[in-house]
Amino acid sequence: MFNAGTASAYFNFPDYDILGLIGFVSYMEYFNDVDFAQANWESLACELSREQRTH
């Protein structure tokens, strides 16, 4: 169907998936809501805690 990680992969997503991703990212950026992301994505929580230790 599509090769994940390639530019052509994005063109094969249905429009509602793209709009959902754009809307979610816009929400996260506008409200700076990283608490939700940290609670739900372990990789992001680890990355943020690593950044806090280095600053």
Protein backbone atom coordinates (compact mmCIF):
# COMPACT_ATOMS: atom_id res chain seq x y z
CA MET A 1 0.00 0.00 0.00
CA PHE A 2 2.65 2.55 0.99
CA ASN A 3 6.18 2.61 2.33
CA ALA A 4 6.17 3.93 5.87
CA GLY A 5 8.63 6.73 6.45
CA THR A 6 8.62 7.96 2.86
CA ALA A 7 7.12 11.12 1.45
CA SER A 8 4.75 9.09 -0.72
CA ALA A 9 3.28 7.49 2.41
CA TYR A 10 1.60 10.75 3.39
CA PHE A 11 -0.22 11.05 0.06
CA ASN A 12 -1.89 7.68 0.61
CA PHE A 13 -3.42 8.56 3.97
CA PRO A 14 -7.13 9.37 3.84
CA ASP A 15 -7.83 13.08 4.21
CA TYR A 16 -9.50 12.69 7.58
CA ASP A 17 -6.35 11.10 9.03
CA ILE A 18 -4.22 14.01 7.87
CA LEU A 19 -6.73 16.56 9.17
CA GLY A 20 -6.88 14.74 12.50
CA LEU A 21 -3.11 14.80 12.85
CA ILE A 22 -2.95 18.48 11.93
CA GLY A 23 -5.70 19.31 14.41
CA PHE A 24 -4.08 17.35 17.21
CA VAL A 25 -0.65 18.88 16.64
CA SER A 26 -2.19 22.35 16.47
CA TYR A 27 -3.95 21.74 19.79
CA MET A 28 -0.72 20.55 21.41
CA GLU A 29 1.21 23.56 20.13
CA TYR A 30 -1.47 26.15 20.97
CA PHE A 31 -2.16 24.97 24.51
CA ASN A 32 1.38 23.66 25.15
CA ASP A 33 -0.28 20.56 26.61
CA VAL A 34 2.62 18.21 27.19
CA ASP A 35 1.08 16.63 30.30
CA PHE A 36 -1.29 14.58 28.15
CA ALA A 37 1.52 13.53 25.85
CA GLN A 38 3.83 12.56 28.71
CA ALA A 39 1.09 10.46 30.27
CA ASN A 40 0.33 8.61 27.04
CA TRP A 41 3.63 8.34 25.17
CA GLU A 42 6.48 6.85 27.13
CA SER A 43 9.06 7.80 24.50
CA LEU A 44 8.08 11.47 24.76
CA ALA A 45 8.16 11.35 28.55
CA CYS A 46 11.68 9.90 28.44
CA GLU A 47 12.83 12.51 25.93
CA LEU A 48 11.42 15.40 27.97
CA SER A 49 12.92 14.14 31.21
CA ARG A 50 16.30 13.79 29.47
CA GLU A 51 16.07 17.39 28.24
CA GLN A 52 15.18 18.65 31.71
CA ARG A 53 18.23 16.92 33.19
CA THR A 54 20.57 18.54 30.65
CA HIS A 55 19.23 22.09 31.11
